[in-house]
């Protein structure tokens, strides 16, 4: 099963979502609105995991139009990015870049969706290079060029980055993200998981407000 979006209409919907669509208060239904993961992620309550890949066009679109809008209406919940290293020619390099960024951001008190965060800057730089400029960094043969794209976005030098990448906290994050692949296999990416247990069925989300409401209901379960 491909881990890209299986349902094109469901994927595109996020970017044609009606911001003024009425909020639905119908109870969420298992199998329609969400599925329970066979192996929940031990991450705690009050969290929204987003499994994503720099290689995924729908992940990019959700990052631009959905993530901040939705999480802005969920001030008591934490947005937790999980990069999928098995997708894209530079999946592992991408995961390392993102993990280093998140560790640095946490130390600086910056959240992933903050425009000032290293994570956000690197994420947007890679998305724009890959999807807008069609950059392929020699199709897997030039990892240094891929990494440089991320480093340039935040002004890091390579020597310091290589040192930062050896931080045990970075390895801990990358190891935690190993669960991304089985999650992505269910319906593709981006994949949103509430409280580490409830995977949203994105193809059945009809508006930003409905997504917010589903997350609230699942978080309270």
C-alpha atoms as a PDB file:
ATOM      1  CA  UNK A   1       0.000   0.000   0.000  1.00  0.00           C
ATOM      2  CA  UNK A   2       1.434   3.366  -1.020  1.00  0.00           C
ATOM      3  CA  UNK A   3       2.133   5.751   1.829  1.00  0.00           C
ATOM      4  CA  UNK A   4       1.291   8.728  -0.368  1.00  0.00           C
ATOM      5  CA  UNK A   5      -2.295   9.963  -0.116  1.00  0.00           C
ATOM      6  CA  UNK A   6      -4.541   7.187  -1.377  1.00  0.00           C
ATOM      7  CA  UNK A   7      -7.587   9.360  -1.760  1.00  0.00           C
ATOM      8  CA  UNK A   8      -6.760  12.391  -3.896  1.00  0.00           C
ATOM      9  CA  UNK A   9      -9.967  14.204  -3.052  1.00  0.00           C
ATOM     10  CA  UNK A  10      -9.366  13.664   0.645  1.00  0.00           C
ATOM     11  CA  UNK A  11      -5.876  15.061   0.352  1.00  0.00           C
ATOM     12  CA  UNK A  12      -6.777  18.086  -1.709  1.00  0.00           C
ATOM     13  CA  UNK A  13      -9.719  18.882   0.513  1.00  0.00           C
ATOM     14  CA  UNK A  14      -7.525  20.449   3.161  1.00  0.00           C
ATOM     15  CA  UNK A  15      -6.607  23.228   0.797  1.00  0.00           C
ATOM     16  CA  UNK A  16     -10.090  23.931  -0.443  1.00  0.00           C
ATOM     17  CA  UNK A  17     -11.500  23.697   3.076  1.00  0.00           C
ATOM     18  CA  UNK A  18     -14.162  26.301   3.711  1.00  0.00           C
ATOM     19  CA  UNK A  19     -12.964  28.346   6.642  1.00  0.00           C
ATOM     20  CA  UNK A  20     -16.523  29.430   7.267  1.00  0.00           C
ATOM     21  CA  UNK A  21     -17.993  25.927   7.168  1.00  0.00           C
ATOM     22  CA  UNK A  22     -20.313  25.307  10.116  1.00  0.00           C
ATOM     23  CA  UNK A  23     -18.848  23.426  13.032  1.00  0.00           C
ATOM     24  CA  UNK A  24     -20.288  19.946  13.364  1.00  0.00           C
ATOM     25  CA  UNK A  25     -20.893  18.690  16.877  1.00  0.00           C
ATOM     26  CA  UNK A  26     -21.755  15.140  15.877  1.00  0.00           C
ATOM     27  CA  UNK A  27     -19.863  12.559  17.918  1.00  0.00           C
ATOM     28  CA  UNK A  28     -16.847  11.115  16.190  1.00  0.00           C
ATOM     29  CA  UNK A  29     -17.301   7.596  14.861  1.00  0.00           C
ATOM     30  CA  UNK A  30     -14.639   4.902  14.842  1.00  0.00           C
ATOM     31  CA  UNK A  31     -13.933   3.668  11.327  1.00  0.00           C
ATOM     32  CA  UNK A  32     -15.302   6.851   9.775  1.00  0.00           C
ATOM     33  CA  UNK A  33     -13.659   9.723  11.610  1.00  0.00           C
ATOM     34  CA  UNK A  34     -10.771   7.836  13.163  1.00  0.00           C
ATOM     35  CA  UNK A  35      -9.153   4.466  13.698  1.00  0.00           C
ATOM     36  CA  UNK A  36      -7.462   3.216  16.841  1.00  0.00           C
ATOM     37  CA  UNK A  37      -3.804   2.408  16.253  1.00  0.00           C
ATOM     38  CA  UNK A  38      -2.866  -1.205  16.896  1.00  0.00           C
ATOM     39  CA  UNK A  39       0.308   0.002  18.597  1.00  0.00           C
ATOM     40  CA  UNK A  40      -0.309   3.374  20.287  1.00  0.00           C
ATOM     41  CA  UNK A  41       2.562   5.841  20.561  1.00  0.00           C
ATOM     42  CA  UNK A  42       3.666   6.442  24.128  1.00  0.00           C
ATOM     43  CA  UNK A  43       3.491  10.213  23.990  1.00  0.00           C
ATOM     44  CA  UNK A  44       0.745  11.161  26.423  1.00  0.00           C
ATOM     45  CA  UNK A  45      -2.513  13.100  26.277  1.00  0.00           C
ATOM     46  CA  UNK A  46      -2.989  16.547  24.873  1.00  0.00           C
ATOM     47  CA  UNK A  47      -0.890  15.839  21.784  1.00  0.00           C
ATOM     48  CA  UNK A  48      -1.417  15.912  18.031  1.00  0.00           C
ATOM     49  CA  UNK A  49       1.257  14.001  16.128  1.00  0.00           C
ATOM     50  CA  UNK A  50       1.738  14.844  12.463  1.00  0.00           C
ATOM     51  CA  UNK A  51       3.556  12.184  10.464  1.00  0.00           C
ATOM     52  CA  UNK A  52       4.988  13.928   7.415  1.00  0.00           C
ATOM     53  CA  UNK A  53       7.695  13.839   4.760  1.00  0.00           C
ATOM     54  CA  UNK A  54       9.519  16.615   2.908  1.00  0.00           C
ATOM     55  CA  UNK A  55       8.782  14.501  -0.190  1.00  0.00           C
ATOM     56  CA  UNK A  56       4.993  14.647   0.289  1.00  0.00           C
ATOM     57  CA  UNK A  57       3.106  17.404  -1.598  1.00  0.00           C
ATOM     58  CA  UNK A  58       0.047  17.076   0.614  1.00  0.00           C
ATOM     59  CA  UNK A  59       2.175  17.434   3.751  1.00  0.00           C
ATOM     60  CA  UNK A  60       3.433  20.718   2.311  1.00  0.00           C
ATOM     61  CA  UNK A  61      -0.075  21.944   1.598  1.00  0.00           C
ATOM     62  CA  UNK A  62      -1.285  21.022   5.079  1.00  0.00           C
ATOM     63  CA  UNK A  63       1.760  22.791   6.552  1.00  0.00           C
ATOM     64  CA  UNK A  64       0.837  25.959   4.696  1.00  0.00           C
ATOM     65  CA  UNK A  65      -2.937  25.970   5.111  1.00  0.00           C
ATOM     66  CA  UNK A  66      -4.014  23.719   7.946  1.00  0.00           C
ATOM     67  CA  UNK A  67      -1.591  23.021  10.790  1.00  0.00           C
ATOM     68  CA  UNK A  68      -1.274  26.472  12.309  1.00  0.00           C
ATOM     69  CA  UNK A  69      -4.938  27.310  11.706  1.00  0.00           C
ATOM     70  CA  UNK A  70      -6.090  24.157  13.473  1.00  0.00           C
ATOM     71  CA  UNK A  71      -3.609  24.224  16.339  1.00  0.00           C
ATOM     72  CA  UNK A  72      -4.390  27.897  16.917  1.00  0.00           C
ATOM     73  CA  UNK A  73      -7.838  26.748  18.016  1.00  0.00           C
ATOM     74  CA  UNK A  74      -6.363  24.092  20.286  1.00  0.00           C
ATOM     75  CA  UNK A  75      -4.205  26.150  22.686  1.00  0.00           C
ATOM     76  CA  UNK A  76      -4.079  23.388  25.289  1.00  0.00           C
ATOM     77  CA  UNK A  77      -2.742  20.789  22.876  1.00  0.00           C
ATOM     78  CA  UNK A  78       0.819  20.193  21.684  1.00  0.00           C
ATOM     79  CA  UNK A  79       1.725  19.786  18.015  1.00  0.00           C
ATOM     80  CA  UNK A  80       4.347  17.041  17.635  1.00  0.00           C
ATOM     81  CA  UNK A  81       6.001  16.496  14.210  1.00  0.00           C
ATOM     82  CA  UNK A  82       7.206  12.979  13.264  1.00  0.00           C
ATOM     83  CA  UNK A  83       9.264  12.867  10.076  1.00  0.00           C
ATOM     84  CA  UNK A  84       8.943   9.740   7.941  1.00  0.00           C
ATOM     85  CA  UNK A  85      12.477   8.696   7.016  1.00  0.00           C
ATOM     86  CA  UNK A  86      11.380   5.879   4.688  1.00  0.00           C
ATOM     87  CA  UNK A  87       9.898   8.273   2.123  1.00  0.00           C
ATOM     88  CA  UNK A  88      12.045  10.299  -0.257  1.00  0.00           C
ATOM     89  CA  UNK A  89      15.633   9.874  -1.409  1.00  0.00           C
ATOM     90  CA  UNK A  90      16.843  11.877   1.566  1.00  0.00           C
ATOM     91  CA  UNK A  91      14.457  10.629   4.230  1.00  0.00           C
ATOM     92  CA  UNK A  92      17.155   9.876   6.790  1.00  0.00           C
ATOM     93  CA  UNK A  93      18.940  13.172   6.210  1.00  0.00           C
ATOM     94  CA  UNK A  94      15.618  14.964   6.522  1.00  0.00           C
ATOM     95  CA  UNK A  95      14.844  13.244   9.805  1.00  0.00           C
ATOM     96  CA  UNK A  96      18.235  14.222  11.186  1.00  0.00           C
ATOM     97  CA  UNK A  97      17.791  17.854  10.158  1.00  0.00           C
ATOM     98  CA  UNK A  98      14.350  18.013  11.734  1.00  0.00           C
ATOM     99  CA  UNK A  99      15.427  16.246  14.907  1.00  0.00           C
ATOM    100  CA  UNK A 100      18.371  18.603  15.438  1.00  0.00           C
ATOM    101  CA  UNK A 101      16.055  21.555  14.823  1.00  0.00           C
ATOM    102  CA  UNK A 102      13.458  20.346  17.313  1.00  0.00           C
ATOM    103  CA  UNK A 103      16.051  19.703  20.009  1.00  0.00           C
ATOM    104  CA  UNK A 104      17.455  23.210  19.553  1.00  0.00           C
ATOM    105  CA  UNK A 105      13.985  24.738  19.471  1.00  0.00           C
ATOM    106  CA  UNK A 106      12.950  23.012  22.672  1.00  0.00           C
ATOM    107  CA  UNK A 107      16.026  24.349  24.418  1.00  0.00           C
ATOM    108  CA  UNK A 108      15.138  27.837  23.181  1.00  0.00           C
ATOM    109  CA  UNK A 109      11.461  27.541  24.146  1.00  0.00           C
ATOM    110  CA  UNK A 110      10.254  27.635  20.539  1.00  0.00           C
ATOM    111  CA  UNK A 111       7.315  25.551  19.313  1.00  0.00           C
ATOM    112  CA  UNK A 112       7.455  23.792  15.923  1.00  0.00           C
ATOM    113  CA  UNK A 113       4.767  25.980  14.347  1.00  0.00           C
ATOM    114  CA  UNK A 114       6.434  29.216  15.434  1.00  0.00           C
ATOM    115  CA  UNK A 115       7.700  30.969  12.274  1.00  0.00           C
ATOM    116  CA  UNK A 116      10.897  31.766  14.194  1.00  0.00           C
ATOM    117  CA  UNK A 117      11.610  28.119  14.975  1.00  0.00           C
ATOM    118  CA  UNK A 118      14.443  26.247  13.293  1.00  0.00           C
ATOM    119  CA  UNK A 119      12.004  23.446  12.524  1.00  0.00           C
ATOM    120  CA  UNK A 120       9.623  25.711  10.620  1.00  0.00           C
ATOM    121  CA  UNK A 121      12.408  27.395   8.652  1.00  0.00           C
ATOM    122  CA  UNK A 122      13.999  24.106   7.605  1.00  0.00           C
ATOM    123  CA  UNK A 123      10.647  22.519   6.816  1.00  0.00           C
ATOM    124  CA  UNK A 124       9.607  25.381   4.528  1.00  0.00           C
ATOM    125  CA  UNK A 125      13.020  25.550   2.870  1.00  0.00           C
ATOM    126  CA  UNK A 126      12.945  21.861   1.970  1.00  0.00           C
ATOM    127  CA  UNK A 127       9.328  21.960   0.850  1.00  0.00           C
ATOM    128  CA  UNK A 128       9.892  24.993  -1.372  1.00  0.00           C
ATOM    129  CA  UNK A 129      13.073  23.571  -2.865  1.00  0.00           C
ATOM    130  CA  UNK A 130      11.531  20.170  -3.600  1.00  0.00           C
ATOM    131  CA  UNK A 131       7.982  21.043  -4.575  1.00  0.00           C
ATOM    132  CA  UNK A 132       8.152  24.615  -5.895  1.00  0.00           C
ATOM    133  CA  UNK A 133      11.618  24.674  -7.463  1.00  0.00           C
ATOM    134  CA  UNK A 134      11.648  20.943  -8.325  1.00  0.00           C
ATOM    135  CA  UNK A 135      15.093  20.532  -6.783  1.00  0.00           C
ATOM    136  CA  UNK A 136      16.157  16.891  -6.511  1.00  0.00           C
ATOM    137  CA  UNK A 137      19.745  17.257  -5.260  1.00  0.00           C
ATOM    138  CA  UNK A 138      20.984  14.851  -7.911  1.00  0.00           C
ATOM    139  CA  UNK A 139      18.236  12.328  -7.162  1.00  0.00           C
ATOM    140  CA  UNK A 140      19.751  10.849  -4.030  1.00  0.00           C
ATOM    141  CA  UNK A 141      23.394  11.139  -5.049  1.00  0.00           C
ATOM    142  CA  UNK A 142      24.176  14.416  -3.280  1.00  0.00           C
ATOM    143  CA  UNK A 143      23.107  14.312   0.383  1.00  0.00           C
ATOM    144  CA  UNK A 144      25.470  17.177   1.210  1.00  0.00           C
ATOM    145  CA  UNK A 145      23.530  19.497  -1.093  1.00  0.00           C
ATOM    146  CA  UNK A 146      20.243  18.427   0.505  1.00  0.00           C
ATOM    147  CA  UNK A 147      21.600  19.059   3.997  1.00  0.00           C
ATOM    148  CA  UNK A 148      23.015  22.416   2.905  1.00  0.00           C
ATOM    149  CA  UNK A 149      19.538  23.518   1.830  1.00  0.00           C
ATOM    150  CA  UNK A 150      18.333  22.980   5.377  1.00  0.00           C
ATOM    151  CA  UNK A 151      21.394  24.518   7.001  1.00  0.00           C
ATOM    152  CA  UNK A 152      21.211  27.645   4.858  1.00  0.00           C
ATOM    153  CA  UNK A 153      17.637  28.241   6.006  1.00  0.00           C
ATOM    154  CA  UNK A 154      18.801  28.658   9.613  1.00  0.00           C
ATOM    155  CA  UNK A 155      22.367  29.855   9.140  1.00  0.00           C
ATOM    156  CA  UNK A 156      24.070  26.819  10.660  1.00  0.00           C
ATOM    157  CA  UNK A 157      27.566  25.727   9.674  1.00  0.00           C
ATOM    158  CA  UNK A 158      28.141  22.113   8.750  1.00  0.00           C
ATOM    159  CA  UNK A 159      30.756  21.358  11.408  1.00  0.00           C
ATOM    160  CA  UNK A 160      28.488  22.463  14.245  1.00  0.00           C
ATOM    161  CA  UNK A 161      25.531  20.649  12.706  1.00  0.00           C
ATOM    162  CA  UNK A 162      27.479  17.385  12.489  1.00  0.00           C
ATOM    163  CA  UNK A 163      28.337  17.760  16.160  1.00  0.00           C
ATOM    164  CA  UNK A 164      24.741  18.583  17.116  1.00  0.00           C
ATOM    165  CA  UNK A 165      23.527  15.530  15.199  1.00  0.00           C
ATOM    166  CA  UNK A 166      25.386  13.286  17.663  1.00  0.00           C
ATOM    167  CA  UNK A 167      23.348  14.591  20.602  1.00  0.00           C
ATOM    168  CA  UNK A 168      21.590  11.642  22.313  1.00  0.00           C
ATOM    169  CA  UNK A 169      18.354  13.674  22.298  1.00  0.00           C
ATOM    170  CA  UNK A 170      18.492  13.769  18.497  1.00  0.00           C
ATOM    171  CA  UNK A 171      18.926  10.002  18.284  1.00  0.00           C
ATOM    172  CA  UNK A 172      16.083   9.564  20.775  1.00  0.00           C
ATOM    173  CA  UNK A 173      13.744  11.542  18.519  1.00  0.00           C
ATOM    174  CA  UNK A 174      14.762   9.684  15.375  1.00  0.00           C
ATOM    175  CA  UNK A 175      14.246   6.375  17.176  1.00  0.00           C
ATOM    176  CA  UNK A 176      10.808   7.520  18.364  1.00  0.00           C
ATOM    177  CA  UNK A 177       9.882   8.344  14.776  1.00  0.00           C
ATOM    178  CA  UNK A 178      10.322   4.707  13.734  1.00  0.00           C
ATOM    179  CA  UNK A 179       6.588   4.342  14.453  1.00  0.00           C
ATOM    180  CA  UNK A 180       5.884   6.712  11.559  1.00  0.00           C
ATOM    181  CA  UNK A 181       5.977   4.010   8.891  1.00  0.00           C
ATOM    182  CA  UNK A 182       3.268   1.722  10.341  1.00  0.00           C
ATOM    183  CA  UNK A 183       1.109   4.787  10.981  1.00  0.00           C
ATOM    184  CA  UNK A 184       1.605   6.040   7.418  1.00  0.00           C
ATOM    185  CA  UNK A 185       0.710   2.618   5.998  1.00  0.00           C
ATOM    186  CA  UNK A 186      -2.864   2.997   7.227  1.00  0.00           C
ATOM    187  CA  UNK A 187      -3.881   5.863   4.941  1.00  0.00           C
ATOM    188  CA  UNK A 188      -0.790   7.728   3.808  1.00  0.00           C
ATOM    189  CA  UNK A 189       0.689  11.049   4.870  1.00  0.00           C
ATOM    190  CA  UNK A 190       0.148  13.498   6.337  1.00  0.00           C
ATOM    191  CA  UNK A 191      -1.232  11.460   9.199  1.00  0.00           C
ATOM    192  CA  UNK A 192      -2.581  13.064  12.377  1.00  0.00           C
ATOM    193  CA  UNK A 193      -2.700  11.080  15.612  1.00  0.00           C
ATOM    194  CA  UNK A 194      -4.443  12.360  18.733  1.00  0.00           C
ATOM    195  CA  UNK A 195      -2.994  11.366  22.118  1.00  0.00           C
ATOM    196  CA  UNK A 196      -0.777   8.828  20.386  1.00  0.00           C
ATOM    197  CA  UNK A 197      -3.754   6.540  19.833  1.00  0.00           C
ATOM    198  CA  UNK A 198      -6.443   7.916  17.510  1.00  0.00           C
ATOM    199  CA  UNK A 199      -5.564   8.323  13.826  1.00  0.00           C
ATOM    200  CA  UNK A 200      -7.776  10.864  12.068  1.00  0.00           C
ATOM    201  CA  UNK A 201      -9.303   9.784   8.765  1.00  0.00           C
ATOM    202  CA  UNK A 202      -8.343  12.880   6.810  1.00  0.00           C
ATOM    203  CA  UNK A 203     -10.479  12.008   3.796  1.00  0.00           C
ATOM    204  CA  UNK A 204     -13.571  12.563   5.929  1.00  0.00           C
ATOM    205  CA  UNK A 205     -12.586  15.974   7.290  1.00  0.00           C
ATOM    206  CA  UNK A 206     -14.780  18.567   5.627  1.00  0.00           C
ATOM    207  CA  UNK A 207     -13.536  21.814   7.200  1.00  0.00           C
ATOM    208  CA  UNK A 208     -10.929  23.229   9.550  1.00  0.00           C
ATOM    209  CA  UNK A 209     -13.517  23.517  12.288  1.00  0.00           C
ATOM    210  CA  UNK A 210     -14.581  19.910  11.868  1.00  0.00           C
ATOM    211  CA  UNK A 211     -10.955  18.851  12.234  1.00  0.00           C
ATOM    212  CA  UNK A 212     -10.636  20.928  15.402  1.00  0.00           C
ATOM    213  CA  UNK A 213     -13.823  19.408  16.802  1.00  0.00           C
ATOM    214  CA  UNK A 214     -12.733  15.843  16.054  1.00  0.00           C
ATOM    215  CA  UNK A 215      -9.385  16.420  17.762  1.00  0.00           C
ATOM    216  CA  UNK A 216     -11.122  17.867  20.817  1.00  0.00           C
ATOM    217  CA  UNK A 217     -13.491  14.924  21.072  1.00  0.00           C
ATOM    218  CA  UNK A 218     -10.756  12.342  20.640  1.00  0.00           C
ATOM    219  CA  UNK A 219      -8.489  14.067  23.116  1.00  0.00           C
ATOM    220  CA  UNK A 220     -11.229  13.837  25.716  1.00  0.00           C
ATOM    221  CA  UNK A 221     -11.706  10.093  25.231  1.00  0.00           C
END
